Amino acid sequence: MAGTAGVGKTTTARRIARSVGAPHTELDGMYHGPGWTVLPDFEARVDAVTSAPTWVSEWQYRRVRPLLVERADTLVWLDLPKPVAFVRLLRRTVRRRLQRTVLWNGNVEPPLWTFFTRREHILRWGIATRNEMREQVPALAPDAPHLRIVRLRSQREIERFVGQLRTHSE
């Protein structure tokens, strides 16, 4: 599942996994340790997950993307309009912060004011990297001819795609 921050990668990946009867693994949970540290066994855990016959995850973290591409047969790319992606990211970030939602390994979103002081704040990161997928995903095709790339550009297309999976898996 590829896409910029906030487009619904994890939610859609869970839905796809349920539809096709495959396990879903959220890579954020394997990457972020307590205090937002990087877990030392991240690559090994991704290797183990993607060694299974079926799996669904998000296409994140540059260091494991080649492995994910090598072992995947389909990459679903959520290429939603920039305003939609930003509003979703903003809403999710504010909700998580106000509710003090515990994310991975005890982490919570930092205070909203850190948007102004931390380059790695998720909102700043989402803005800064919003165009990367439009360059990176199409560039995969020549080196990964085995990979089916499904580009979904609206929530309606996402719903139709997931609905078709249910029809085929029933």
N, C-alpha and C. Protein backbone atom coordinates (compact mmCIF):
# COMPACT_ATOMS: atom_id res chain seq x y z
N MET A 1 0.86 -1.16 0.00
CA MET A 1 0.00 0.00 0.00
C MET A 1 0.90 1.22 0.00
N ALA A 2 0.89 1.98 -1.08
CA ALA A 2 1.72 3.18 -1.19
C ALA A 2 0.84 4.42 -1.12
N GLY A 3 1.42 5.52 -0.67
CA GLY A 3 0.72 6.79 -0.63
C GLY A 3 1.37 7.72 0.36
N THR A 4 1.02 8.98 0.28
CA THR A 4 1.58 9.96 1.21
C THR A 4 0.93 9.80 2.58
N ALA A 5 1.50 10.47 3.54
CA ALA A 5 1.00 10.41 4.91
C ALA A 5 -0.45 10.89 4.96
N GLY A 6 -1.28 10.11 5.61
CA GLY A 6 -2.66 10.51 5.86
C GLY A 6 -3.69 10.12 4.82
N VAL A 7 -3.28 9.46 3.74
CA VAL A 7 -4.26 9.13 2.69
C VAL A 7 -5.12 7.92 3.03
N GLY A 8 -4.74 7.19 4.06
CA GLY A 8 -5.53 6.02 4.44
C GLY A 8 -4.86 4.70 4.10
N LYS A 9 -3.54 4.69 4.03
CA LYS A 9 -2.82 3.46 3.68
C LYS A 9 -3.14 2.32 4.64
N THR A 10 -3.01 2.59 5.92
CA THR A 10 -3.20 1.52 6.91
C THR A 10 -4.64 1.05 6.94
N THR A 11 -5.57 1.97 6.91
CA THR A 11 -6.99 1.59 6.92
C THR A 11 -7.32 0.75 5.69
N THR A 12 -6.87 1.19 4.53
CA THR A 12 -7.15 0.45 3.29
C THR A 12 -6.42 -0.88 3.29
N ALA A 13 -5.19 -0.91 3.77
CA ALA A 13 -4.45 -2.18 3.84
C ALA A 13 -5.18 -3.19 4.73
N ARG A 14 -5.72 -2.73 5.85
CA ARG A 14 -6.49 -3.65 6.72
C ARG A 14 -7.71 -4.20 5.99
N ARG A 15 -8.39 -3.32 5.28
CA ARG A 15 -9.59 -3.75 4.55
C ARG A 15 -9.23 -4.75 3.45
N ILE A 16 -8.16 -4.49 2.75
CA ILE A 16 -7.71 -5.42 1.70
C ILE A 16 -7.33 -6.76 2.31
N ALA A 17 -6.60 -6.72 3.40
CA ALA A 17 -6.19 -7.97 4.06
C ALA A 17 -7.40 -8.80 4.47
N ARG A 18 -8.40 -8.15 5.05
CA ARG A 18 -9.63 -8.88 5.42
C ARG A 18 -10.31 -9.45 4.18
N SER A 19 -10.34 -8.68 3.12
CA SER A 19 -11.03 -9.12 1.90
C SER A 19 -10.36 -10.32 1.25
N VAL A 20 -9.05 -10.37 1.30
CA VAL A 20 -8.35 -11.47 0.63
C VAL A 20 -7.90 -12.56 1.60
N GLY A 21 -8.19 -12.38 2.88
CA GLY A 21 -7.84 -13.39 3.87
C GLY A 21 -6.35 -13.49 4.15
N ALA A 22 -5.67 -12.36 4.09
CA ALA A 22 -4.23 -12.33 4.35
C ALA A 22 -3.96 -11.53 5.62
N PRO A 23 -2.85 -11.81 6.30
CA PRO A 23 -2.53 -11.00 7.48
C PRO A 23 -2.05 -9.61 7.07
N HIS A 24 -2.40 -8.62 7.89
CA HIS A 24 -1.92 -7.25 7.69
C HIS A 24 -0.91 -6.95 8.78
N THR A 25 0.22 -6.40 8.38
CA THR A 25 1.24 -5.97 9.33
C THR A 25 1.48 -4.49 9.12
N GLU A 26 1.33 -3.72 10.18
CA GLU A 26 1.57 -2.29 10.12
C GLU A 26 3.06 -2.04 10.39
N LEU A 27 3.76 -1.57 9.38
CA LEU A 27 5.20 -1.39 9.51
C LEU A 27 5.57 -0.35 10.55
N ASP A 28 4.73 0.66 10.77
CA ASP A 28 5.03 1.65 11.80
C ASP A 28 5.23 0.99 13.16
N GLY A 29 4.45 -0.03 13.46
CA GLY A 29 4.56 -0.72 14.74
C GLY A 29 5.83 -1.53 14.88
N MET A 30 6.41 -1.93 13.75
CA MET A 30 7.67 -2.67 13.78
C MET A 30 8.88 -1.73 13.74
N TYR A 31 8.66 -0.49 13.32
CA TYR A 31 9.74 0.48 13.17
C TYR A 31 9.94 1.34 14.41
N HIS A 32 8.85 1.88 14.95
CA HIS A 32 8.93 2.83 16.07
C HIS A 32 8.96 2.11 17.41
N GLY A 33 10.06 2.31 18.13
CA GLY A 33 10.15 1.80 19.48
C GLY A 33 9.74 2.89 20.47
N PRO A 34 9.81 2.60 21.76
CA PRO A 34 9.48 3.61 22.77
C PRO A 34 10.29 4.89 22.55
N GLY A 35 9.64 6.03 22.76
CA GLY A 35 10.31 7.31 22.57
C GLY A 35 10.64 7.60 21.12
N TRP A 36 9.91 7.00 20.22
CA TRP A 36 10.09 7.18 18.77
C TRP A 36 11.47 6.75 18.29
N THR A 37 12.09 5.81 19.02
CA THR A 37 13.37 5.28 18.57
C THR A 37 13.12 4.22 17.50
N VAL A 38 14.12 3.95 16.69
CA VAL A 38 14.01 2.91 15.66
C VAL A 38 14.35 1.58 16.30
N LEU A 39 13.47 0.60 16.14
CA LEU A 39 13.73 -0.72 16.70
C LEU A 39 14.86 -1.40 15.91
N PRO A 40 15.82 -2.00 16.61
CA PRO A 40 17.00 -2.54 15.93
C PRO A 40 16.72 -3.74 15.03
N ASP A 41 15.65 -4.45 15.28
CA ASP A 41 15.36 -5.65 14.48
C ASP A 41 14.33 -5.39 13.38
N PHE A 42 14.14 -4.14 13.02
CA PHE A 42 13.12 -3.77 12.04
C PHE A 42 13.25 -4.56 10.73
N GLU A 43 14.42 -4.53 10.11
CA GLU A 43 14.59 -5.21 8.83
C GLU A 43 14.34 -6.71 8.96
N ALA A 44 14.83 -7.31 10.01
CA ALA A 44 14.63 -8.75 10.21
C ALA A 44 13.15 -9.08 10.36
N ARG A 45 12.41 -8.23 11.04
CA ARG A 45 10.97 -8.47 11.21
C ARG A 45 10.22 -8.32 9.89
N VAL A 46 10.61 -7.33 9.10
CA VAL A 46 9.99 -7.17 7.78
C VAL A 46 10.32 -8.36 6.89
N ASP A 47 11.55 -8.83 6.97
CA ASP A 47 11.95 -10.01 6.21
C ASP A 47 11.08 -11.21 6.59
N ALA A 48 10.87 -11.40 7.87
CA ALA A 48 10.05 -12.53 8.33
C ALA A 48 8.60 -12.41 7.84
N VAL A 49 8.03 -11.23 7.97
CA VAL A 49 6.63 -11.02 7.55
C VAL A 49 6.47 -11.28 6.06
N THR A 50 7.39 -10.74 5.26
CA THR A 50 7.26 -10.86 3.81
C THR A 50 7.73 -12.20 3.26
N SER A 51 8.23 -13.06 4.13
CA SER A 51 8.57 -14.42 3.71
C SER A 51 7.35 -15.32 3.68
N ALA A 52 6.27 -14.88 4.29
CA ALA A 52 5.03 -15.66 4.30
C ALA A 52 4.43 -15.69 2.89
N PRO A 53 3.60 -16.69 2.61
CA PRO A 53 3.01 -16.77 1.27
C PRO A 53 2.07 -15.60 0.94
N THR A 54 1.37 -15.08 1.93
CA THR A 54 0.51 -13.92 1.70
C THR A 54 0.71 -12.92 2.83
N TRP A 55 0.63 -11.66 2.49
CA TRP A 55 0.80 -10.59 3.47
C TRP A 55 0.34 -9.29 2.83
N VAL A 56 -0.02 -8.34 3.68
CA VAL A 56 -0.39 -7.00 3.25
C VAL A 56 0.28 -6.03 4.21
N SER A 57 0.91 -4.99 3.68
CA SER A 57 1.52 -3.97 4.52
C SER A 57 1.59 -2.66 3.74
N GLU A 58 2.08 -1.65 4.40
CA GLU A 58 2.28 -0.36 3.77
C GLU A 58 3.68 -0.33 3.15
N TRP A 59 3.81 0.37 2.04
CA TRP A 59 5.11 0.52 1.37
C TRP A 59 5.78 1.74 1.94
N GLN A 60 6.50 1.55 3.04
CA GLN A 60 7.13 2.63 3.78
C GLN A 60 8.57 2.26 4.08
N TYR A 61 9.31 3.24 4.54
CA TYR A 61 10.67 3.07 5.03
C TYR A 61 11.61 2.61 3.91
N ARG A 62 12.34 3.55 3.41
CA ARG A 62 13.23 3.33 2.26
C ARG A 62 14.10 2.09 2.40
N ARG A 63 14.54 1.81 3.61
CA ARG A 63 15.47 0.69 3.78
C ARG A 63 14.84 -0.67 3.51
N VAL A 64 13.52 -0.78 3.57
CA VAL A 64 12.89 -2.08 3.28
C VAL A 64 12.05 -2.07 2.00
N ARG A 65 11.92 -0.93 1.37
CA ARG A 65 11.11 -0.87 0.14
C ARG A 65 11.57 -1.84 -0.94
N PRO A 66 12.88 -1.99 -1.18
CA PRO A 66 13.29 -2.96 -2.20
C PRO A 66 12.82 -4.39 -1.88
N LEU A 67 12.90 -4.78 -0.63
CA LEU A 67 12.43 -6.10 -0.22
C LEU A 67 10.93 -6.24 -0.44
N LEU A 68 10.18 -5.21 -0.07
CA LEU A 68 8.73 -5.24 -0.25
C LEU A 68 8.37 -5.37 -1.72
N VAL A 69 9.04 -4.62 -2.57
CA VAL A 69 8.77 -4.68 -4.01
C VAL A 69 9.13 -6.05 -4.57
N GLU A 70 10.25 -6.58 -4.15
CA GLU A 70 10.71 -7.88 -4.63
C GLU A 70 9.70 -8.99 -4.30
N ARG A 71 9.09 -8.92 -3.12
CA ARG A 71 8.24 -10.01 -2.66
C ARG A 71 6.75 -9.79 -2.90
N ALA A 72 6.38 -8.60 -3.30
CA ALA A 72 4.96 -8.31 -3.52
C ALA A 72 4.57 -8.66 -4.95
N ASP A 73 3.30 -8.96 -5.14
CA ASP A 73 2.80 -9.12 -6.51
C ASP A 73 1.95 -7.94 -6.93
N THR A 74 1.45 -7.16 -5.96
CA THR A 74 0.60 -6.00 -6.25
C THR A 74 0.97 -4.86 -5.32
N LEU A 75 1.01 -3.66 -5.88
CA LEU A 75 1.20 -2.45 -5.10
C LEU A 75 -0.01 -1.56 -5.36
N VAL A 76 -0.78 -1.32 -4.31
CA VAL A 76 -1.93 -0.43 -4.42
C VAL A 76 -1.46 0.95 -4.01
N TRP A 77 -1.63 1.92 -4.92
CA TRP A 77 -1.13 3.27 -4.72
C TRP A 77 -2.31 4.21 -4.53
N LEU A 78 -2.44 4.75 -3.33
CA LEU A 78 -3.48 5.73 -3.04
C LEU A 78 -2.94 7.11 -3.43
N ASP A 79 -3.35 7.58 -4.57
CA ASP A 79 -2.87 8.85 -5.11
C ASP A 79 -4.02 9.86 -5.06
N LEU A 80 -4.41 10.20 -3.85
CA LEU A 80 -5.52 11.13 -3.66
C LEU A 80 -5.06 12.56 -3.89
N PRO A 81 -5.98 13.46 -4.23
CA PRO A 81 -5.61 14.86 -4.42
C PRO A 81 -4.92 15.42 -3.16
N LYS A 82 -3.96 16.32 -3.38
CA LYS A 82 -3.19 16.89 -2.27
C LYS A 82 -4.06 17.50 -1.18
N PRO A 83 -5.09 18.29 -1.52
CA PRO A 83 -5.92 18.85 -0.44
C PRO A 83 -6.61 17.77 0.40
N VAL A 84 -7.07 16.72 -0.24
CA VAL A 84 -7.73 15.63 0.49
C VAL A 84 -6.73 14.96 1.43
N ALA A 85 -5.54 14.68 0.91
CA ALA A 85 -4.52 14.03 1.73
C ALA A 85 -4.15 14.90 2.93
N PHE A 86 -3.97 16.20 2.70
CA PHE A 86 -3.57 17.07 3.81
C PHE A 86 -4.67 17.19 4.86
N VAL A 87 -5.90 17.36 4.43
CA VAL A 87 -7.01 17.48 5.39
C VAL A 87 -7.12 16.21 6.22
N ARG A 88 -6.99 15.05 5.59
CA ARG A 88 -7.04 13.78 6.33
C ARG A 88 -5.90 13.69 7.33
N LEU A 89 -4.70 14.07 6.91
CA LEU A 89 -3.55 14.02 7.81
C LEU A 89 -3.72 14.98 8.97
N LEU A 90 -4.18 16.19 8.69
CA LEU A 90 -4.40 17.19 9.73
C LEU A 90 -5.45 16.70 10.73
N ARG A 91 -6.57 16.21 10.23
CA ARG A 91 -7.64 15.71 11.10
C ARG A 91 -7.15 14.56 11.98
N ARG A 92 -6.44 13.61 11.37
CA ARG A 92 -5.93 12.46 12.12
C ARG A 92 -4.94 12.91 13.19
N THR A 93 -4.03 13.80 12.82
CA THR A 93 -3.01 14.25 13.75
C THR A 93 -3.63 14.99 14.94
N VAL A 94 -4.53 15.90 14.66
CA VAL A 94 -5.18 16.65 15.74
C VAL A 94 -5.99 15.70 16.63
N ARG A 95 -6.74 14.79 16.04
CA ARG A 95 -7.54 13.84 16.83
C ARG A 95 -6.63 13.00 17.73
N ARG A 96 -5.57 12.45 17.16
CA ARG A 96 -4.65 11.63 17.95
C ARG A 96 -4.03 12.42 19.09
N ARG A 97 -3.67 13.67 18.82
CA ARG A 97 -3.03 14.47 19.85
C ARG A 97 -4.01 14.84 20.96
N LEU A 98 -5.19 15.30 20.58
CA LEU A 98 -6.17 15.71 21.58
C LEU A 98 -6.64 14.54 22.43
N GLN A 99 -6.75 13.38 21.83
CA GLN A 99 -7.20 12.19 22.57
C GLN A 99 -6.03 11.45 23.21
N ARG A 100 -4.82 11.93 22.97
CA ARG A 100 -3.61 11.27 23.49
C ARG A 100 -3.61 9.78 23.12
N THR A 101 -3.94 9.53 21.87
CA THR A 101 -4.00 8.15 21.37
C THR A 101 -2.61 7.52 21.45
N VAL A 102 -2.55 6.37 22.08
CA VAL A 102 -1.28 5.64 22.15
C VAL A 102 -1.11 4.90 20.83
N LEU A 103 0.00 5.18 20.18
CA LEU A 103 0.28 4.58 18.88
C LEU A 103 1.14 3.34 19.09
N TRP A 104 2.32 3.31 18.58
CA TRP A 104 3.16 2.12 18.61
C TRP A 104 4.11 2.20 19.79
N ASN A 105 4.12 1.14 20.57
CA ASN A 105 5.07 1.00 21.67
C ASN A 105 5.05 2.18 22.64
N GLY A 106 3.84 2.66 22.93
CA GLY A 106 3.66 3.70 23.93
C GLY A 106 3.81 5.13 23.42
N ASN A 107 4.08 5.32 22.16
CA ASN A 107 4.27 6.66 21.61
C ASN A 107 2.94 7.37 21.40
N VAL A 108 2.96 8.69 21.54
CA VAL A 108 1.80 9.52 21.23
C VAL A 108 2.29 10.66 20.33
N GLU A 109 1.34 11.25 19.59
CA GLU A 109 1.69 12.39 18.75
C GLU A 109 2.26 13.50 19.62
N PRO A 110 3.28 14.20 19.14
CA PRO A 110 3.84 15.31 19.93
C PRO A 110 2.86 16.48 19.98
N PRO A 111 3.10 17.43 20.87
CA PRO A 111 2.23 18.61 20.93
C PRO A 111 2.13 19.28 19.55
N LEU A 112 0.97 19.83 19.26
CA LEU A 112 0.73 20.43 17.95
C LEU A 112 1.69 21.59 17.66
N TRP A 113 2.10 22.33 18.68
CA TRP A 113 3.01 23.45 18.45
C TRP A 113 4.35 23.02 17.91
N THR A 114 4.71 21.74 18.08
CA THR A 114 6.01 21.28 17.58
C THR A 114 6.06 21.24 16.06
N PHE A 115 4.91 21.45 15.42
CA PHE A 115 4.89 21.62 13.97
C PHE A 115 5.87 22.73 13.57
N PHE A 116 5.98 23.76 14.40
CA PHE A 116 6.82 24.91 14.10
C PHE A 116 8.29 24.70 14.47
N THR A 117 8.58 23.71 15.29
CA THR A 117 9.93 23.56 15.80
C THR A 117 10.63 22.26 15.37
N ARG A 118 9.88 21.28 14.90
CA ARG A 118 10.48 19.99 14.54
C ARG A 118 10.27 19.68 13.06
N ARG A 119 11.37 19.52 12.36
CA ARG A 119 11.28 19.19 10.93
C ARG A 119 10.58 17.87 10.70
N GLU A 120 10.71 16.94 11.65
CA GLU A 120 10.13 15.61 11.46
C GLU A 120 8.68 15.51 11.92
N HIS A 121 8.07 16.61 12.33
CA HIS A 121 6.66 16.58 12.71
C HIS A 121 5.86 16.01 11.54
N ILE A 122 4.92 15.13 11.82
CA ILE A 122 4.20 14.42 10.76
C ILE A 122 3.52 15.36 9.77
N LEU A 123 3.00 16.47 10.22
CA LEU A 123 2.37 17.41 9.29
C LEU A 123 3.40 18.04 8.35
N ARG A 124 4.54 18.43 8.89
CA ARG A 124 5.60 18.98 8.05
C ARG A 124 6.15 17.93 7.10
N TRP A 125 6.32 16.73 7.63
CA TRP A 125 6.82 15.64 6.81
C TRP A 125 5.83 15.33 5.68
N GLY A 126 4.54 15.32 5.99
CA GLY A 126 3.53 15.07 4.98
C GLY A 126 3.53 16.10 3.87
N ILE A 127 3.72 17.35 4.24
CA ILE A 127 3.79 18.43 3.24
C ILE A 127 5.06 18.29 2.40
N ALA A 128 6.17 18.05 3.05
CA ALA A 128 7.46 18.00 2.36
C ALA A 128 7.58 16.81 1.40
N THR A 129 6.92 15.71 1.71
CA THR A 129 7.09 14.49 0.91
C THR A 129 5.89 14.17 0.02
N ARG A 130 4.94 15.07 -0.09
CA ARG A 130 3.70 14.77 -0.79
C ARG A 130 3.88 14.41 -2.26
N ASN A 131 4.95 14.86 -2.89
CA ASN A 131 5.14 14.56 -4.31
C ASN A 131 6.00 13.32 -4.57
N GLU A 132 6.61 12.78 -3.53
CA GLU A 132 7.52 11.65 -3.71
C GLU A 132 6.88 10.45 -4.38
N MET A 133 5.68 10.10 -3.98
CA MET A 133 5.04 8.91 -4.55
C MET A 133 4.83 9.05 -6.05
N ARG A 134 4.53 10.25 -6.50
CA ARG A 134 4.29 10.46 -7.93
C ARG A 134 5.56 10.25 -8.75
N GLU A 135 6.70 10.30 -8.10
CA GLU A 135 7.96 10.00 -8.77
C GLU A 135 8.37 8.54 -8.54
N GLN A 136 8.23 8.08 -7.32
CA GLN A 136 8.77 6.77 -6.94
C GLN A 136 7.96 5.59 -7.47
N VAL A 137 6.65 5.67 -7.38
CA VAL A 137 5.86 4.50 -7.79
C VAL A 137 5.98 4.22 -9.28
N PRO A 138 5.78 5.19 -10.17
CA PRO A 138 5.94 4.89 -11.59
C PRO A 138 7.35 4.40 -11.95
N ALA A 139 8.35 4.86 -11.22
CA ALA A 139 9.73 4.46 -11.49
C ALA A 139 9.98 2.98 -11.18
N LEU A 140 9.09 2.34 -10.45
CA LEU A 140 9.25 0.92 -10.12
C LEU A 140 9.03 0.01 -11.32
N ALA A 141 8.16 0.40 -12.21
CA ALA A 141 7.71 -0.48 -13.29
C ALA A 141 8.84 -1.13 -14.10
N PRO A 142 9.83 -0.39 -14.56
CA PRO A 142 10.87 -1.03 -15.38
C PRO A 142 11.69 -2.09 -14.64
N ASP A 143 11.92 -1.89 -13.34
CA ASP A 143 12.75 -2.82 -12.58
C ASP A 143 11.95 -3.90 -11.86
N ALA A 144 10.64 -3.80 -11.89
CA ALA A 144 9.80 -4.79 -11.21
C ALA A 144 8.63 -5.19 -12.12
N PRO A 145 8.92 -5.85 -13.24
CA PRO A 145 7.85 -6.19 -14.18
C PRO A 145 6.80 -7.15 -13.60
N HIS A 146 7.16 -7.83 -12.52
CA HIS A 146 6.22 -8.75 -11.87
C HIS A 146 5.16 -8.02 -11.05
N LEU A 147 5.40 -6.74 -10.77
CA LEU A 147 4.57 -5.99 -9.83
C LEU A 147 3.40 -5.32 -10.55
N ARG A 148 2.21 -5.69 -10.15
CA ARG A 148 1.00 -5.03 -10.65
C ARG A 148 0.79 -3.77 -9.82
N ILE A 149 0.72 -2.62 -10.48
CA ILE A 149 0.51 -1.36 -9.77
C ILE A 149 -0.91 -0.89 -10.03
N VAL A 150 -1.66 -0.73 -8.95
CA VAL A 150 -3.05 -0.28 -9.02
C VAL A 150 -3.09 1.13 -8.44
N ARG A 151 -3.38 2.12 -9.27
CA ARG A 151 -3.41 3.51 -8.83
C ARG A 151 -4.86 3.93 -8.59
N LEU A 152 -5.15 4.31 -7.35
CA LEU A 152 -6.50 4.73 -6.97
C LEU A 152 -6.46 6.21 -6.62
N ARG A 153 -7.30 7.00 -7.30
CA ARG A 153 -7.20 8.46 -7.19
C ARG A 153 -8.35 9.12 -6.43
N SER A 154 -9.25 8.32 -5.89
CA SER A 154 -10.36 8.90 -5.13
C SER A 154 -10.88 7.85 -4.15
N GLN A 155 -11.65 8.32 -3.17
CA GLN A 155 -12.26 7.38 -2.23
C GLN A 155 -13.23 6.45 -2.95
N ARG A 156 -13.89 6.95 -3.96
CA ARG A 156 -14.80 6.12 -4.74
C ARG A 156 -14.05 4.96 -5.42
N GLU A 157 -12.88 5.27 -5.99
CA GLU A 157 -12.08 4.21 -6.61
C GLU A 157 -11.58 3.21 -5.57
N ILE A 158 -11.23 3.69 -4.38
CA ILE A 158 -10.81 2.79 -3.30
C ILE A 158 -11.96 1.85 -2.94
N GLU A 159 -13.14 2.40 -2.75
CA GLU A 159 -14.31 1.59 -2.39
C GLU A 159 -14.60 0.54 -3.47
N ARG A 160 -14.54 0.96 -4.72
CA ARG A 160 -14.80 0.03 -5.83
C ARG A 160 -13.77 -1.10 -5.84
N PHE A 161 -12.49 -0.75 -5.67
CA PHE A 161 -11.42 -1.75 -5.68
C PHE A 161 -11.59 -2.76 -4.54
N VAL A 162 -11.78 -2.26 -3.32
CA VAL A 162 -11.94 -3.16 -2.18
C VAL A 162 -13.21 -4.01 -2.34
N GLY A 163 -14.27 -3.40 -2.84
CA GLY A 163 -15.50 -4.15 -3.09
C GLY A 163 -15.31 -5.27 -4.09
N GLN A 164 -14.52 -5.04 -5.13
CA GLN A 164 -14.24 -6.08 -6.11
C GLN A 164 -13.43 -7.21 -5.50
N LEU A 165 -12.56 -6.89 -4.57
CA LEU A 165 -11.79 -7.95 -3.89
C LEU A 165 -12.71 -8.86 -3.11
N ARG A 166 -13.69 -8.25 -2.43
CA ARG A 166 -14.65 -9.06 -1.67
C ARG A 166 -15.42 -9.99 -2.61
N THR A 167 -15.82 -9.47 -3.74
CA THR A 167 -16.57 -10.28 -4.71
C THR A 167 -15.74 -11.46 -5.18
N HIS A 168 -14.45 -11.22 -5.45
CA HIS A 168 -13.59 -12.29 -5.95
C HIS A 168 -13.21 -13.30 -4.88
N SER A 169 -13.18 -12.87 -3.63
CA SER A 169 -12.74 -13.78 -2.57
C SER A 169 -13.89 -14.57 -1.96
N GLU A 170 -15.11 -14.24 -2.31
CA GLU A 170 -16.27 -14.95 -1.72
C GLU A 170 -16.62 -16.18 -2.53
